[in-house]
Amino acid sequence: MDKLQYVMDLMHNHFGCTTNSADYATESILLFRDELDANLLPDIFDKLCIENEVLVHYFSVGIYVVYIITDVCDLKCKLLGVLQGHKLIYYQLFD
């Protein structure tokens, strides 16, 4: 999955954001599960089968920050969240 294109499509369709990739700032970081801010995750996160170490991809556009959490080993997407300020306003689970 092309994560940037997926995020751009989601943000355009749900929040009316631009579809120009140059407008998005991106970063990926390797973290341990306990380093994630529980206030920015949905309650269901604790039930997801995710290893102790995760790769988090961040995408920023306008007033929004989107994160995608993936397994480190197989790089499968597990969770996508959209933040506005310091509040989770949308999330999506992946199979």
N, C-alpha and C. Protein backbone atom coordinates (compact mmCIF):
# COMPACT_ATOMS: atom_id res chain seq x y z
N MET A 1 0.84 -1.17 0.00
CA MET A 1 0.00 0.00 0.00
C MET A 1 0.89 1.24 0.00
N ASP A 2 0.59 2.14 -0.88
CA ASP A 2 1.25 3.45 -0.88
C ASP A 2 0.59 4.28 0.21
N LYS A 3 1.25 4.40 1.34
CA LYS A 3 0.66 5.04 2.51
C LYS A 3 0.31 6.50 2.28
N LEU A 4 1.20 7.24 1.61
CA LEU A 4 0.92 8.66 1.37
C LEU A 4 -0.32 8.82 0.51
N GLN A 5 -0.42 8.07 -0.56
CA GLN A 5 -1.60 8.18 -1.43
C GLN A 5 -2.87 7.79 -0.68
N TYR A 6 -2.79 6.77 0.13
CA TYR A 6 -3.94 6.34 0.93
C TYR A 6 -4.38 7.47 1.87
N VAL A 7 -3.42 8.08 2.57
CA VAL A 7 -3.71 9.17 3.49
C VAL A 7 -4.27 10.37 2.73
N MET A 8 -3.68 10.71 1.60
CA MET A 8 -4.17 11.85 0.82
C MET A 8 -5.62 11.62 0.39
N ASP A 9 -5.94 10.42 -0.08
CA ASP A 9 -7.31 10.11 -0.50
C ASP A 9 -8.27 10.19 0.68
N LEU A 10 -7.88 9.61 1.81
CA LEU A 10 -8.72 9.63 3.00
C LEU A 10 -8.97 11.07 3.47
N MET A 11 -7.92 11.85 3.54
CA MET A 11 -8.05 13.22 4.03
C MET A 11 -8.86 14.08 3.08
N HIS A 12 -8.73 13.85 1.79
CA HIS A 12 -9.53 14.60 0.81
C HIS A 12 -11.01 14.22 0.93
N ASN A 13 -11.28 12.92 1.02
CA ASN A 13 -12.67 12.44 1.04
C ASN A 13 -13.39 12.75 2.35
N HIS A 14 -12.69 12.67 3.49
CA HIS A 14 -13.34 12.84 4.78
C HIS A 14 -13.21 14.26 5.36
N PHE A 15 -12.14 14.96 5.01
CA PHE A 15 -11.88 16.25 5.65
C PHE A 15 -11.66 17.39 4.66
N GLY A 16 -11.77 17.12 3.37
CA GLY A 16 -11.64 18.17 2.36
C GLY A 16 -10.24 18.73 2.18
N CYS A 17 -9.23 17.96 2.58
CA CYS A 17 -7.84 18.42 2.45
C CYS A 17 -7.32 18.27 1.03
N THR A 18 -6.25 18.96 0.75
CA THR A 18 -5.61 18.95 -0.55
C THR A 18 -5.15 17.55 -0.95
N THR A 19 -5.04 17.32 -2.24
CA THR A 19 -4.52 16.05 -2.74
C THR A 19 -3.12 16.22 -3.33
N ASN A 20 -2.48 17.32 -3.04
CA ASN A 20 -1.12 17.58 -3.53
C ASN A 20 -0.12 17.02 -2.52
N SER A 21 0.69 16.07 -2.93
CA SER A 21 1.63 15.42 -2.00
C SER A 21 2.66 16.40 -1.43
N ALA A 22 2.94 17.48 -2.13
CA ALA A 22 3.90 18.48 -1.64
C ALA A 22 3.39 19.21 -0.40
N ASP A 23 2.09 19.14 -0.15
CA ASP A 23 1.50 19.80 1.01
C ASP A 23 1.60 18.97 2.29
N TYR A 24 2.08 17.73 2.16
CA TYR A 24 2.16 16.81 3.30
C TYR A 24 3.59 16.71 3.80
N ALA A 25 3.76 16.85 5.11
CA ALA A 25 5.05 16.56 5.75
C ALA A 25 4.95 15.12 6.26
N THR A 26 6.02 14.35 6.08
CA THR A 26 5.99 12.95 6.49
C THR A 26 7.21 12.59 7.33
N GLU A 27 7.03 11.62 8.21
CA GLU A 27 8.12 11.12 9.03
C GLU A 27 7.74 9.73 9.52
N SER A 28 8.72 8.86 9.67
CA SER A 28 8.50 7.53 10.24
C SER A 28 9.47 7.35 11.39
N ILE A 29 8.97 6.69 12.45
CA ILE A 29 9.80 6.52 13.64
C ILE A 29 9.51 5.16 14.26
N LEU A 30 10.55 4.51 14.74
CA LEU A 30 10.46 3.23 15.42
C LEU A 30 10.27 3.48 16.92
N LEU A 31 9.21 2.92 17.49
CA LEU A 31 8.89 3.14 18.90
C LEU A 31 8.51 1.82 19.58
N PHE A 32 8.62 1.81 20.89
CA PHE A 32 8.05 0.72 21.66
C PHE A 32 6.61 1.07 21.97
N ARG A 33 5.79 0.05 22.12
CA ARG A 33 4.36 0.25 22.40
C ARG A 33 4.12 1.19 23.56
N ASP A 34 4.91 1.04 24.62
CA ASP A 34 4.68 1.86 25.81
C ASP A 34 5.12 3.31 25.62
N GLU A 35 5.75 3.63 24.50
CA GLU A 35 6.12 5.02 24.21
C GLU A 35 4.98 5.78 23.52
N LEU A 36 3.96 5.06 23.07
CA LEU A 36 2.83 5.69 22.40
C LEU A 36 1.94 6.38 23.43
N ASP A 37 1.41 7.53 23.09
CA ASP A 37 0.54 8.30 23.98
C ASP A 37 -0.87 7.69 23.94
N ALA A 38 -1.28 7.06 25.01
CA ALA A 38 -2.59 6.40 25.07
C ALA A 38 -3.74 7.37 24.82
N ASN A 39 -3.55 8.65 25.09
CA ASN A 39 -4.60 9.65 24.87
C ASN A 39 -4.86 9.90 23.38
N LEU A 40 -3.93 9.49 22.54
CA LEU A 40 -4.07 9.71 21.09
C LEU A 40 -4.44 8.43 20.34
N LEU A 41 -4.75 7.37 21.10
CA LEU A 41 -5.11 6.08 20.52
C LEU A 41 -6.54 5.74 20.87
N PRO A 42 -7.22 4.98 20.00
CA PRO A 42 -8.57 4.52 20.37
C PRO A 42 -8.48 3.49 21.49
N ASP A 43 -9.55 3.33 22.24
CA ASP A 43 -9.58 2.38 23.35
C ASP A 43 -9.28 0.95 22.90
N ILE A 44 -9.63 0.63 21.70
CA ILE A 44 -9.45 -0.72 21.17
C ILE A 44 -7.98 -1.07 20.91
N PHE A 45 -7.09 -0.11 20.97
CA PHE A 45 -5.68 -0.35 20.65
C PHE A 45 -5.08 -1.47 21.50
N ASP A 46 -5.42 -1.53 22.78
CA ASP A 46 -4.85 -2.54 23.67
C ASP A 46 -5.21 -3.96 23.24
N LYS A 47 -6.27 -4.11 22.48
CA LYS A 47 -6.71 -5.44 22.04
C LYS A 47 -6.07 -5.87 20.73
N LEU A 48 -5.38 -4.96 20.06
CA LEU A 48 -4.73 -5.31 18.79
C LEU A 48 -3.51 -6.18 19.04
N CYS A 49 -3.32 -7.14 18.18
CA CYS A 49 -2.14 -8.01 18.26
C CYS A 49 -0.98 -7.33 17.54
N ILE A 50 -0.23 -6.57 18.30
CA ILE A 50 0.90 -5.85 17.75
C ILE A 50 2.11 -6.15 18.61
N GLU A 51 3.23 -6.33 17.96
CA GLU A 51 4.48 -6.59 18.69
C GLU A 51 4.81 -5.43 19.62
N ASN A 52 5.80 -5.62 20.47
CA ASN A 52 6.21 -4.59 21.42
C ASN A 52 6.84 -3.39 20.71
N GLU A 53 7.45 -3.63 19.56
CA GLU A 53 8.07 -2.55 18.79
C GLU A 53 7.21 -2.29 17.55
N VAL A 54 6.95 -1.01 17.26
CA VAL A 54 6.11 -0.65 16.12
C VAL A 54 6.80 0.45 15.30
N LEU A 55 6.42 0.52 14.05
CA LEU A 55 6.87 1.59 13.17
C LEU A 55 5.68 2.51 12.96
N VAL A 56 5.84 3.79 13.30
CA VAL A 56 4.76 4.76 13.17
C VAL A 56 5.11 5.73 12.06
N HIS A 57 4.20 5.86 11.10
CA HIS A 57 4.35 6.79 9.98
C HIS A 57 3.43 7.98 10.26
N TYR A 58 4.00 9.17 10.23
CA TYR A 58 3.25 10.40 10.48
C TYR A 58 3.11 11.19 9.19
N PHE A 59 1.93 11.77 9.01
CA PHE A 59 1.64 12.62 7.86
C PHE A 59 0.95 13.86 8.40
N SER A 60 1.44 15.02 8.08
CA SER A 60 0.87 16.26 8.57
C SER A 60 0.39 17.09 7.38
N VAL A 61 -0.84 17.58 7.50
CA VAL A 61 -1.39 18.48 6.48
C VAL A 61 -2.34 19.45 7.17
N GLY A 62 -2.08 20.72 6.99
CA GLY A 62 -2.92 21.74 7.62
C GLY A 62 -2.98 21.56 9.12
N ILE A 63 -4.18 21.45 9.66
CA ILE A 63 -4.37 21.33 11.11
C ILE A 63 -4.43 19.86 11.56
N TYR A 64 -4.17 18.93 10.66
CA TYR A 64 -4.31 17.50 10.95
C TYR A 64 -2.96 16.79 10.97
N VAL A 65 -2.89 15.78 11.83
CA VAL A 65 -1.78 14.83 11.82
C VAL A 65 -2.40 13.44 11.70
N VAL A 66 -1.90 12.68 10.76
CA VAL A 66 -2.37 11.32 10.56
C VAL A 66 -1.23 10.39 10.94
N TYR A 67 -1.54 9.32 11.65
CA TYR A 67 -0.52 8.32 11.94
C TYR A 67 -1.00 6.96 11.45
N ILE A 68 -0.05 6.16 11.01
CA ILE A 68 -0.32 4.77 10.66
C ILE A 68 0.67 3.93 11.46
N ILE A 69 0.15 3.01 12.26
CA ILE A 69 1.00 2.12 13.04
C ILE A 69 1.11 0.80 12.30
N THR A 70 2.36 0.35 12.10
CA THR A 70 2.61 -0.90 11.39
C THR A 70 3.47 -1.82 12.25
N ASP A 71 3.36 -3.12 11.98
CA ASP A 71 4.27 -4.09 12.59
C ASP A 71 5.66 -3.87 12.03
N VAL A 72 6.65 -4.06 12.83
CA VAL A 72 8.03 -3.88 12.39
C VAL A 72 8.46 -5.03 11.47
N CYS A 73 8.06 -6.24 11.82
CA CYS A 73 8.53 -7.41 11.07
C CYS A 73 7.96 -7.50 9.67
N ASP A 74 6.63 -7.42 9.54
CA ASP A 74 6.03 -7.60 8.22
C ASP A 74 5.51 -6.29 7.61
N LEU A 75 5.64 -5.18 8.33
CA LEU A 75 5.23 -3.85 7.87
C LEU A 75 3.75 -3.75 7.50
N LYS A 76 2.93 -4.67 8.04
CA LYS A 76 1.50 -4.61 7.79
C LYS A 76 0.88 -3.47 8.61
N CYS A 77 0.01 -2.72 7.97
CA CYS A 77 -0.70 -1.63 8.65
C CYS A 77 -1.70 -2.21 9.64
N LYS A 78 -1.72 -1.66 10.83
CA LYS A 78 -2.62 -2.12 11.88
C LYS A 78 -3.67 -1.08 12.26
N LEU A 79 -3.24 0.19 12.32
CA LEU A 79 -4.14 1.23 12.80
C LEU A 79 -3.78 2.56 12.16
N LEU A 80 -4.81 3.30 11.79
CA LEU A 80 -4.65 4.67 11.29
C LEU A 80 -5.46 5.57 12.20
N GLY A 81 -4.87 6.69 12.58
CA GLY A 81 -5.58 7.67 13.39
C GLY A 81 -5.40 9.06 12.81
N VAL A 82 -6.42 9.89 12.96
CA VAL A 82 -6.36 11.29 12.54
C VAL A 82 -6.52 12.16 13.77
N LEU A 83 -5.56 13.04 13.96
CA LEU A 83 -5.57 13.95 15.10
C LEU A 83 -5.83 15.37 14.63
N GLN A 84 -6.61 16.09 15.41
CA GLN A 84 -6.79 17.52 15.22
C GLN A 84 -6.43 18.14 16.56
N GLY A 85 -5.32 18.88 16.56
CA GLY A 85 -4.78 19.32 17.84
C GLY A 85 -4.26 18.10 18.57
N HIS A 86 -4.67 17.94 19.80
CA HIS A 86 -4.27 16.77 20.59
C HIS A 86 -5.45 15.85 20.83
N LYS A 87 -6.34 15.76 19.83
CA LYS A 87 -7.54 14.96 19.98
C LYS A 87 -7.70 14.01 18.79
N LEU A 88 -7.96 12.74 19.10
CA LEU A 88 -8.23 11.75 18.06
C LEU A 88 -9.65 11.97 17.55
N ILE A 89 -9.77 12.26 16.25
CA ILE A 89 -11.10 12.54 15.69
C ILE A 89 -11.57 11.45 14.74
N TYR A 90 -10.68 10.54 14.36
CA TYR A 90 -11.04 9.48 13.42
C TYR A 90 -10.01 8.37 13.56
N TYR A 91 -10.45 7.13 13.46
CA TYR A 91 -9.49 6.03 13.39
C TYR A 91 -10.03 4.91 12.52
N GLN A 92 -9.13 4.09 12.05
CA GLN A 92 -9.47 2.99 11.17
C GLN A 92 -8.55 1.82 11.49
N LEU A 93 -9.13 0.63 11.65
CA LEU A 93 -8.35 -0.58 11.85
C LEU A 93 -8.15 -1.29 10.52
N PHE A 94 -7.02 -1.94 10.37
CA PHE A 94 -6.73 -2.72 9.18
C PHE A 94 -6.73 -4.19 9.56
N ASP A 95 -7.07 -5.05 8.60
CA ASP A 95 -7.05 -6.50 8.85
C ASP A 95 -5.65 -7.03 8.94
